[in-house]
């Protein structure tokens, strides 16, 4: 995501459709990927492909379902028909922002779930974090124009469950290392792959604060990545929050 503006700038943009597959928020501008693409390639129709997809499983032909979102539903349906395979099922949507927000926020929450695993806090804690994390995703998404049903679908809740429950997730595995007491900066410097949630956390936390959206889990991940607090301190802070009615 952080390199997509430069990559698009090097591409010819003759008005052909762009199918965007990165997940995140541009750190420098706070823009979602489709917003970046429209700035750089204003004549190209935009679609977003997102959802619970470990690439090695897709490559192995294992059953996978995803969301393909586009402002132009006719285009989205045409792209679906071109891309779909027997084991690769595509659901279309007109909620481009919602599909991208789900994919961006779940990366940050996956780091938090990895911390729970690395710290040995148990399955109850991980399930609670997924549930409350989804509430944060929903609050943020709807504040930025996403549809509730998109966030509860494949590109939101579906992707959240996948990346918060498997070490195949780069963000989850990063969180495991942090939960085991390793500094985030050290873990990030030694990685050969990108844990996009580490770049998304600070800009997501900033956007949420600017919009008045309460996202304590995202704030905690941001603090961990930046080295402003340790795991034990943040756990105490989260568990000592005032009780409240369940809901968004």
C-alpha atoms as a PDB file:
ATOM      1  CA  UNK A   1       0.000   0.000   0.000  1.00  0.00           C
ATOM      2  CA  UNK A   2       2.753   2.452   0.916  1.00  0.00           C
ATOM      3  CA  UNK A   3       4.342   2.083  -2.543  1.00  0.00           C
ATOM      4  CA  UNK A   4       1.175   1.989  -4.620  1.00  0.00           C
ATOM      5  CA  UNK A   5       1.128   5.693  -5.520  1.00  0.00           C
ATOM      6  CA  UNK A   6       4.640   5.425  -6.970  1.00  0.00           C
ATOM      7  CA  UNK A   7       3.822   2.196  -8.811  1.00  0.00           C
ATOM      8  CA  UNK A   8       0.666   3.662 -10.342  1.00  0.00           C
ATOM      9  CA  UNK A   9       2.651   6.742 -11.337  1.00  0.00           C
ATOM     10  CA  UNK A  10       4.961   4.553 -13.422  1.00  0.00           C
ATOM     11  CA  UNK A  11       2.068   2.823 -15.210  1.00  0.00           C
ATOM     12  CA  UNK A  12       0.305   4.049 -18.315  1.00  0.00           C
ATOM     13  CA  UNK A  13      -3.319   4.787 -17.377  1.00  0.00           C
ATOM     14  CA  UNK A  14      -5.267   4.641 -20.643  1.00  0.00           C
ATOM     15  CA  UNK A  15      -8.629   4.397 -18.918  1.00  0.00           C
ATOM     16  CA  UNK A  16      -8.548   0.637 -18.484  1.00  0.00           C
ATOM     17  CA  UNK A  17     -10.061  -0.742 -15.239  1.00  0.00           C
ATOM     18  CA  UNK A  18      -7.773  -1.099 -12.238  1.00  0.00           C
ATOM     19  CA  UNK A  19      -8.429  -3.933  -9.782  1.00  0.00           C
ATOM     20  CA  UNK A  20      -6.783  -2.958  -6.488  1.00  0.00           C
ATOM     21  CA  UNK A  21      -5.598  -5.756  -4.194  1.00  0.00           C
ATOM     22  CA  UNK A  22      -3.422  -4.047  -1.545  1.00  0.00           C
ATOM     23  CA  UNK A  23      -4.797  -3.540   1.962  1.00  0.00           C
ATOM     24  CA  UNK A  24      -4.002  -0.522   4.083  1.00  0.00           C
ATOM     25  CA  UNK A  25      -4.121   3.257   4.359  1.00  0.00           C
ATOM     26  CA  UNK A  26      -1.501   5.545   2.865  1.00  0.00           C
ATOM     27  CA  UNK A  27       0.632   6.744   5.748  1.00  0.00           C
ATOM     28  CA  UNK A  28       1.512  10.167   4.360  1.00  0.00           C
ATOM     29  CA  UNK A  29      -1.987  11.242   3.283  1.00  0.00           C
ATOM     30  CA  UNK A  30      -4.462   9.079   5.208  1.00  0.00           C
ATOM     31  CA  UNK A  31      -5.995   8.108   1.853  1.00  0.00           C
ATOM     32  CA  UNK A  32      -7.523   4.753   1.001  1.00  0.00           C
ATOM     33  CA  UNK A  33      -6.131   2.971  -2.033  1.00  0.00           C
ATOM     34  CA  UNK A  34      -9.018   3.805  -4.369  1.00  0.00           C
ATOM     35  CA  UNK A  35      -8.579   7.490  -3.499  1.00  0.00           C
ATOM     36  CA  UNK A  36      -4.883   7.287  -4.392  1.00  0.00           C
ATOM     37  CA  UNK A  37      -5.693   5.486  -7.639  1.00  0.00           C
ATOM     38  CA  UNK A  38      -8.257   8.109  -8.641  1.00  0.00           C
ATOM     39  CA  UNK A  39      -5.714  10.870  -8.078  1.00  0.00           C
ATOM     40  CA  UNK A  40      -3.021   9.182 -10.160  1.00  0.00           C
ATOM     41  CA  UNK A  41      -5.221   7.504 -12.814  1.00  0.00           C
ATOM     42  CA  UNK A  42      -8.394   9.624 -12.905  1.00  0.00           C
ATOM     43  CA  UNK A  43      -9.695   8.083 -16.153  1.00  0.00           C
ATOM     44  CA  UNK A  44      -9.504   4.455 -14.986  1.00  0.00           C
ATOM     45  CA  UNK A  45     -12.566   2.757 -13.479  1.00  0.00           C
ATOM     46  CA  UNK A  46     -11.696   1.344 -10.057  1.00  0.00           C
ATOM     47  CA  UNK A  47     -12.567  -1.969  -8.435  1.00  0.00           C
ATOM     48  CA  UNK A  48     -11.293  -3.486  -5.186  1.00  0.00           C
ATOM     49  CA  UNK A  49     -10.673  -7.193  -4.611  1.00  0.00           C
ATOM     50  CA  UNK A  50     -10.565  -8.086  -0.918  1.00  0.00           C
ATOM     51  CA  UNK A  51     -11.467 -10.805   1.536  1.00  0.00           C
ATOM     52  CA  UNK A  52     -10.076 -13.753   3.505  1.00  0.00           C
ATOM     53  CA  UNK A  53      -7.350 -15.000   1.178  1.00  0.00           C
ATOM     54  CA  UNK A  54      -4.078 -16.636   2.112  1.00  0.00           C
ATOM     55  CA  UNK A  55      -2.353 -16.625  -1.273  1.00  0.00           C
ATOM     56  CA  UNK A  56      -0.875 -20.119  -0.952  1.00  0.00           C
ATOM     57  CA  UNK A  57      -4.352 -21.592  -0.447  1.00  0.00           C
ATOM     58  CA  UNK A  58      -5.734 -19.762  -3.470  1.00  0.00           C
ATOM     59  CA  UNK A  59      -2.775 -21.001  -5.526  1.00  0.00           C
ATOM     60  CA  UNK A  60      -3.442 -24.559  -4.339  1.00  0.00           C
ATOM     61  CA  UNK A  61      -7.039 -24.335  -5.557  1.00  0.00           C
ATOM     62  CA  UNK A  62      -8.586 -24.529  -2.088  1.00  0.00           C
ATOM     63  CA  UNK A  63     -12.093 -23.034  -1.717  1.00  0.00           C
ATOM     64  CA  UNK A  64     -11.998 -19.267  -1.264  1.00  0.00           C
ATOM     65  CA  UNK A  65     -14.641 -16.527  -1.327  1.00  0.00           C
ATOM     66  CA  UNK A  66     -13.925 -12.823  -1.774  1.00  0.00           C
ATOM     67  CA  UNK A  67     -15.565  -9.438  -2.319  1.00  0.00           C
ATOM     68  CA  UNK A  68     -15.144  -7.481  -5.548  1.00  0.00           C
ATOM     69  CA  UNK A  69     -16.344  -3.916  -4.992  1.00  0.00           C
ATOM     70  CA  UNK A  70     -16.792  -1.223  -7.597  1.00  0.00           C
ATOM     71  CA  UNK A  71     -18.793   1.958  -8.096  1.00  0.00           C
ATOM     72  CA  UNK A  72     -19.913   0.564 -11.471  1.00  0.00           C
ATOM     73  CA  UNK A  73     -21.804  -2.652 -10.731  1.00  0.00           C
ATOM     74  CA  UNK A  74     -21.867  -3.646 -14.400  1.00  0.00           C
ATOM     75  CA  UNK A  75     -18.083  -3.475 -14.450  1.00  0.00           C
ATOM     76  CA  UNK A  76     -17.847  -5.355 -11.135  1.00  0.00           C
ATOM     77  CA  UNK A  77     -20.033  -8.144 -12.515  1.00  0.00           C
ATOM     78  CA  UNK A  78     -17.993  -8.321 -15.728  1.00  0.00           C
ATOM     79  CA  UNK A  79     -14.765  -8.541 -13.754  1.00  0.00           C
ATOM     80  CA  UNK A  80     -16.306 -11.197 -11.502  1.00  0.00           C
ATOM     81  CA  UNK A  81     -17.107 -13.317 -14.541  1.00  0.00           C
ATOM     82  CA  UNK A  82     -13.555 -12.940 -15.851  1.00  0.00           C
ATOM     83  CA  UNK A  83     -11.823 -13.699 -12.539  1.00  0.00           C
ATOM     84  CA  UNK A  84     -14.043 -16.335 -10.924  1.00  0.00           C
ATOM     85  CA  UNK A  85     -12.902 -19.962 -10.793  1.00  0.00           C
ATOM     86  CA  UNK A  86     -14.717 -23.075  -9.512  1.00  0.00           C
ATOM     87  CA  UNK A  87     -12.949 -22.782  -6.134  1.00  0.00           C
ATOM     88  CA  UNK A  88     -12.656 -18.969  -6.188  1.00  0.00           C
ATOM     89  CA  UNK A  89     -16.104 -17.525  -5.526  1.00  0.00           C
ATOM     90  CA  UNK A  90     -16.627 -13.771  -5.942  1.00  0.00           C
ATOM     91  CA  UNK A  91     -19.407 -11.656  -4.425  1.00  0.00           C
ATOM     92  CA  UNK A  92     -19.884  -8.182  -5.915  1.00  0.00           C
ATOM     93  CA  UNK A  93     -20.557  -4.990  -3.976  1.00  0.00           C
ATOM     94  CA  UNK A  94     -20.830  -1.272  -4.688  1.00  0.00           C
ATOM     95  CA  UNK A  95     -19.152  -0.351  -1.374  1.00  0.00           C
ATOM     96  CA  UNK A  96     -15.558   0.349  -2.374  1.00  0.00           C
ATOM     97  CA  UNK A  97     -14.682   2.232   0.825  1.00  0.00           C
ATOM     98  CA  UNK A  98     -16.169  -0.487   3.033  1.00  0.00           C
ATOM     99  CA  UNK A  99     -14.182  -3.239   1.308  1.00  0.00           C
ATOM    100  CA  UNK A 100     -10.957  -1.285   1.721  1.00  0.00           C
ATOM    101  CA  UNK A 101     -11.597  -0.236   5.315  1.00  0.00           C
ATOM    102  CA  UNK A 102     -12.243  -3.821   6.378  1.00  0.00           C
ATOM    103  CA  UNK A 103      -8.982  -4.964   4.786  1.00  0.00           C
ATOM    104  CA  UNK A 104      -7.012  -2.139   6.392  1.00  0.00           C
ATOM    105  CA  UNK A 105      -8.384  -2.349   9.940  1.00  0.00           C
ATOM    106  CA  UNK A 106      -8.188  -6.145  10.204  1.00  0.00           C
ATOM    107  CA  UNK A 107      -4.405  -6.023   9.717  1.00  0.00           C
ATOM    108  CA  UNK A 108      -4.012  -3.897  12.847  1.00  0.00           C
ATOM    109  CA  UNK A 109      -6.386  -6.079  14.859  1.00  0.00           C
ATOM    110  CA  UNK A 110      -4.483  -9.187  13.727  1.00  0.00           C
ATOM    111  CA  UNK A 111      -1.348  -7.792  15.373  1.00  0.00           C
ATOM    112  CA  UNK A 112      -3.308  -7.421  18.610  1.00  0.00           C
ATOM    113  CA  UNK A 113      -4.555 -11.018  18.372  1.00  0.00           C
ATOM    114  CA  UNK A 114      -1.007 -12.197  17.786  1.00  0.00           C
ATOM    115  CA  UNK A 115       0.052 -10.408  20.960  1.00  0.00           C
ATOM    116  CA  UNK A 116      -2.651 -12.331  22.844  1.00  0.00           C
ATOM    117  CA  UNK A 117      -1.270 -15.588  21.445  1.00  0.00           C
ATOM    118  CA  UNK A 118       2.367 -14.699  22.114  1.00  0.00           C
ATOM    119  CA  UNK A 119       1.547 -13.645  25.659  1.00  0.00           C
ATOM    120  CA  UNK A 120      -0.369 -16.872  26.309  1.00  0.00           C
ATOM    121  CA  UNK A 121      -3.592 -15.133  27.303  1.00  0.00           C
ATOM    122  CA  UNK A 122      -5.863 -17.888  26.005  1.00  0.00           C
ATOM    123  CA  UNK A 123      -8.615 -18.427  23.474  1.00  0.00           C
ATOM    124  CA  UNK A 124     -11.251 -16.555  25.486  1.00  0.00           C
ATOM    125  CA  UNK A 125      -9.159 -13.392  25.281  1.00  0.00           C
ATOM    126  CA  UNK A 126      -8.581 -13.820  21.541  1.00  0.00           C
ATOM    127  CA  UNK A 127     -12.298 -14.309  20.875  1.00  0.00           C
ATOM    128  CA  UNK A 128     -13.135 -11.249  22.968  1.00  0.00           C
ATOM    129  CA  UNK A 129     -10.563  -9.199  21.107  1.00  0.00           C
ATOM    130  CA  UNK A 130     -11.965 -10.263  17.717  1.00  0.00           C
ATOM    131  CA  UNK A 131     -15.460  -9.303  18.861  1.00  0.00           C
ATOM    132  CA  UNK A 132     -14.481  -5.937  20.269  1.00  0.00           C
ATOM    133  CA  UNK A 133     -12.121  -5.352  17.363  1.00  0.00           C
ATOM    134  CA  UNK A 134     -15.002  -5.870  14.954  1.00  0.00           C
ATOM    135  CA  UNK A 135     -16.949  -3.236  16.894  1.00  0.00           C
ATOM    136  CA  UNK A 136     -14.034  -0.824  16.369  1.00  0.00           C
ATOM    137  CA  UNK A 137     -13.898  -1.684  12.657  1.00  0.00           C
ATOM    138  CA  UNK A 138     -17.634  -1.055  12.363  1.00  0.00           C
ATOM    139  CA  UNK A 139     -17.507   2.289  14.182  1.00  0.00           C
ATOM    140  CA  UNK A 140     -14.645   3.499  12.028  1.00  0.00           C
ATOM    141  CA  UNK A 141     -16.091   2.192   8.780  1.00  0.00           C
ATOM    142  CA  UNK A 142     -19.503   3.746   9.218  1.00  0.00           C
ATOM    143  CA  UNK A 143     -17.913   7.057  10.247  1.00  0.00           C
ATOM    144  CA  UNK A 144     -16.157   7.035   6.872  1.00  0.00           C
ATOM    145  CA  UNK A 145     -19.148   6.031   4.773  1.00  0.00           C
ATOM    146  CA  UNK A 146     -18.906   2.228   4.715  1.00  0.00           C
ATOM    147  CA  UNK A 147     -21.982   0.018   4.818  1.00  0.00           C
ATOM    148  CA  UNK A 148     -22.590  -2.170   7.858  1.00  0.00           C
ATOM    149  CA  UNK A 149     -23.276  -5.239   5.678  1.00  0.00           C
ATOM    150  CA  UNK A 150     -19.920  -4.850   3.914  1.00  0.00           C
ATOM    151  CA  UNK A 151     -18.072  -4.741   7.223  1.00  0.00           C
ATOM    152  CA  UNK A 152     -19.980  -7.830   8.380  1.00  0.00           C
ATOM    153  CA  UNK A 153     -19.110  -9.637   5.136  1.00  0.00           C
ATOM    154  CA  UNK A 154     -16.093 -11.301   3.579  1.00  0.00           C
ATOM    155  CA  UNK A 155     -13.889  -8.207   3.285  1.00  0.00           C
ATOM    156  CA  UNK A 156     -14.527  -7.209   6.908  1.00  0.00           C
ATOM    157  CA  UNK A 157     -15.454  -9.849   9.458  1.00  0.00           C
ATOM    158  CA  UNK A 158     -14.416 -12.715   7.185  1.00  0.00           C
ATOM    159  CA  UNK A 159     -10.902 -11.374   6.669  1.00  0.00           C
ATOM    160  CA  UNK A 160     -10.682 -10.409  10.341  1.00  0.00           C
ATOM    161  CA  UNK A 161     -11.380 -13.971  11.510  1.00  0.00           C
ATOM    162  CA  UNK A 162      -8.810 -15.436   9.097  1.00  0.00           C
ATOM    163  CA  UNK A 163      -5.942 -13.105   9.927  1.00  0.00           C
ATOM    164  CA  UNK A 164      -6.593 -13.202  13.678  1.00  0.00           C
ATOM    165  CA  UNK A 165      -6.347 -16.977  13.935  1.00  0.00           C
ATOM    166  CA  UNK A 166      -3.403 -18.245  11.896  1.00  0.00           C
ATOM    167  CA  UNK A 167       0.373 -17.837  11.980  1.00  0.00           C
ATOM    168  CA  UNK A 168       0.193 -17.725   8.155  1.00  0.00           C
ATOM    169  CA  UNK A 169      -0.910 -14.127   8.680  1.00  0.00           C
ATOM    170  CA  UNK A 170       2.111 -11.820   8.596  1.00  0.00           C
ATOM    171  CA  UNK A 171       0.421  -9.382  10.973  1.00  0.00           C
ATOM    172  CA  UNK A 172      -0.599 -12.107  13.424  1.00  0.00           C
ATOM    173  CA  UNK A 173       2.931 -13.551  13.466  1.00  0.00           C
ATOM    174  CA  UNK A 174       4.347 -10.072  14.125  1.00  0.00           C
ATOM    175  CA  UNK A 175       2.014  -9.767  17.098  1.00  0.00           C
ATOM    176  CA  UNK A 176       3.118 -13.155  18.424  1.00  0.00           C
ATOM    177  CA  UNK A 177       6.713 -11.913  18.520  1.00  0.00           C
ATOM    178  CA  UNK A 178       5.695  -8.715  20.323  1.00  0.00           C
ATOM    179  CA  UNK A 179       3.666 -10.754  22.836  1.00  0.00           C
ATOM    180  CA  UNK A 180       6.746 -12.869  23.489  1.00  0.00           C
ATOM    181  CA  UNK A 181       8.622  -9.737  24.525  1.00  0.00           C
ATOM    182  CA  UNK A 182      10.559  -8.887  21.357  1.00  0.00           C
ATOM    183  CA  UNK A 183      10.751  -5.209  20.349  1.00  0.00           C
ATOM    184  CA  UNK A 184       8.527  -4.334  17.406  1.00  0.00           C
ATOM    185  CA  UNK A 185      11.330  -2.386  15.687  1.00  0.00           C
ATOM    186  CA  UNK A 186      13.619  -5.413  15.817  1.00  0.00           C
ATOM    187  CA  UNK A 187      10.949  -7.756  14.482  1.00  0.00           C
ATOM    188  CA  UNK A 188      10.098  -5.405  11.620  1.00  0.00           C
ATOM    189  CA  UNK A 189      13.740  -4.900  10.629  1.00  0.00           C
ATOM    190  CA  UNK A 190      14.315  -8.659  10.407  1.00  0.00           C
ATOM    191  CA  UNK A 191      11.254  -9.467   8.281  1.00  0.00           C
ATOM    192  CA  UNK A 192      11.438 -10.467   4.627  1.00  0.00           C
ATOM    193  CA  UNK A 193       7.706  -9.779   4.121  1.00  0.00           C
ATOM    194  CA  UNK A 194       5.509  -6.744   4.826  1.00  0.00           C
ATOM    195  CA  UNK A 195       3.253  -6.661   7.891  1.00  0.00           C
ATOM    196  CA  UNK A 196       1.028  -3.893   6.564  1.00  0.00           C
ATOM    197  CA  UNK A 197      -0.739  -3.412   9.904  1.00  0.00           C
ATOM    198  CA  UNK A 198       2.435  -1.902  11.370  1.00  0.00           C
ATOM    199  CA  UNK A 199       2.209   0.941   8.828  1.00  0.00           C
ATOM    200  CA  UNK A 200      -1.568   1.232   9.065  1.00  0.00           C
ATOM    201  CA  UNK A 201      -1.783   1.448  12.882  1.00  0.00           C
ATOM    202  CA  UNK A 202      -0.473   5.018  13.334  1.00  0.00           C
ATOM    203  CA  UNK A 203      -2.493   6.547  10.496  1.00  0.00           C
ATOM    204  CA  UNK A 204      -5.627   4.603  11.482  1.00  0.00           C
ATOM    205  CA  UNK A 205      -5.295   5.778  15.082  1.00  0.00           C
ATOM    206  CA  UNK A 206      -4.812   9.361  13.900  1.00  0.00           C
ATOM    207  CA  UNK A 207      -7.826   9.286  11.591  1.00  0.00           C
ATOM    208  CA  UNK A 208      -9.973   7.772  14.347  1.00  0.00           C
ATOM    209  CA  UNK A 209      -8.964  10.486  16.818  1.00  0.00           C
ATOM    210  CA  UNK A 210      -9.638  13.227  14.248  1.00  0.00           C
ATOM    211  CA  UNK A 211     -13.105  11.766  13.584  1.00  0.00           C
ATOM    212  CA  UNK A 212     -13.882  11.138  17.270  1.00  0.00           C
ATOM    213  CA  UNK A 213     -14.075   7.351  16.806  1.00  0.00           C
ATOM    214  CA  UNK A 214     -13.175   5.294  19.901  1.00  0.00           C
ATOM    215  CA  UNK A 215     -10.633   2.581  18.940  1.00  0.00           C
ATOM    216  CA  UNK A 216      -8.753   1.496  22.087  1.00  0.00           C
ATOM    217  CA  UNK A 217      -7.348  -1.710  20.550  1.00  0.00           C
ATOM    218  CA  UNK A 218      -5.983   0.176  17.560  1.00  0.00           C
ATOM    219  CA  UNK A 219      -4.521   2.810  19.891  1.00  0.00           C
ATOM    220  CA  UNK A 220      -2.815   0.038  21.876  1.00  0.00           C
ATOM    221  CA  UNK A 221      -1.272  -1.511  18.752  1.00  0.00           C
ATOM    222  CA  UNK A 222      -0.062   1.915  17.631  1.00  0.00           C
ATOM    223  CA  UNK A 223       1.613   2.423  21.020  1.00  0.00           C
ATOM    224  CA  UNK A 224       3.267  -1.010  20.835  1.00  0.00           C
ATOM    225  CA  UNK A 225       4.624  -0.471  17.325  1.00  0.00           C
ATOM    226  CA  UNK A 226       5.957   2.965  18.265  1.00  0.00           C
ATOM    227  CA  UNK A 227       7.508   1.646  21.488  1.00  0.00           C
ATOM    228  CA  UNK A 228       5.544   4.065  23.686  1.00  0.00           C
ATOM    229  CA  UNK A 229       4.225   1.317  25.971  1.00  0.00           C
ATOM    230  CA  UNK A 230       4.756  -2.360  26.741  1.00  0.00           C
ATOM    231  CA  UNK A 231       2.293  -5.221  26.562  1.00  0.00           C
ATOM    232  CA  UNK A 232       1.635  -5.475  30.303  1.00  0.00           C
ATOM    233  CA  UNK A 233       0.919  -1.758  30.625  1.00  0.00           C
ATOM    234  CA  UNK A 234      -1.507  -1.799  27.702  1.00  0.00           C
ATOM    235  CA  UNK A 235      -3.278  -4.902  29.020  1.00  0.00           C
ATOM    236  CA  UNK A 236      -3.839  -3.152  32.338  1.00  0.00           C
ATOM    237  CA  UNK A 237      -5.171  -0.097  30.498  1.00  0.00           C
ATOM    238  CA  UNK A 238      -7.594  -2.116  28.358  1.00  0.00           C
ATOM    239  CA  UNK A 239      -8.869  -4.282  31.216  1.00  0.00           C
ATOM    240  CA  UNK A 240      -9.403  -1.287  33.490  1.00  0.00           C
ATOM    241  CA  UNK A 241     -11.589   0.606  31.021  1.00  0.00           C
ATOM    242  CA  UNK A 242     -14.973   1.580  32.531  1.00  0.00           C
ATOM    243  CA  UNK A 243     -17.749  -0.977  31.999  1.00  0.00           C
ATOM    244  CA  UNK A 244     -20.251  -0.176  29.261  1.00  0.00           C
ATOM    245  CA  UNK A 245     -23.227  -1.654  27.440  1.00  0.00           C
ATOM    246  CA  UNK A 246     -22.291  -3.939  24.571  1.00  0.00           C
ATOM    247  CA  UNK A 247     -22.757  -2.507  21.098  1.00  0.00           C
ATOM    248  CA  UNK A 248     -20.981  -0.361  18.594  1.00  0.00           C
END
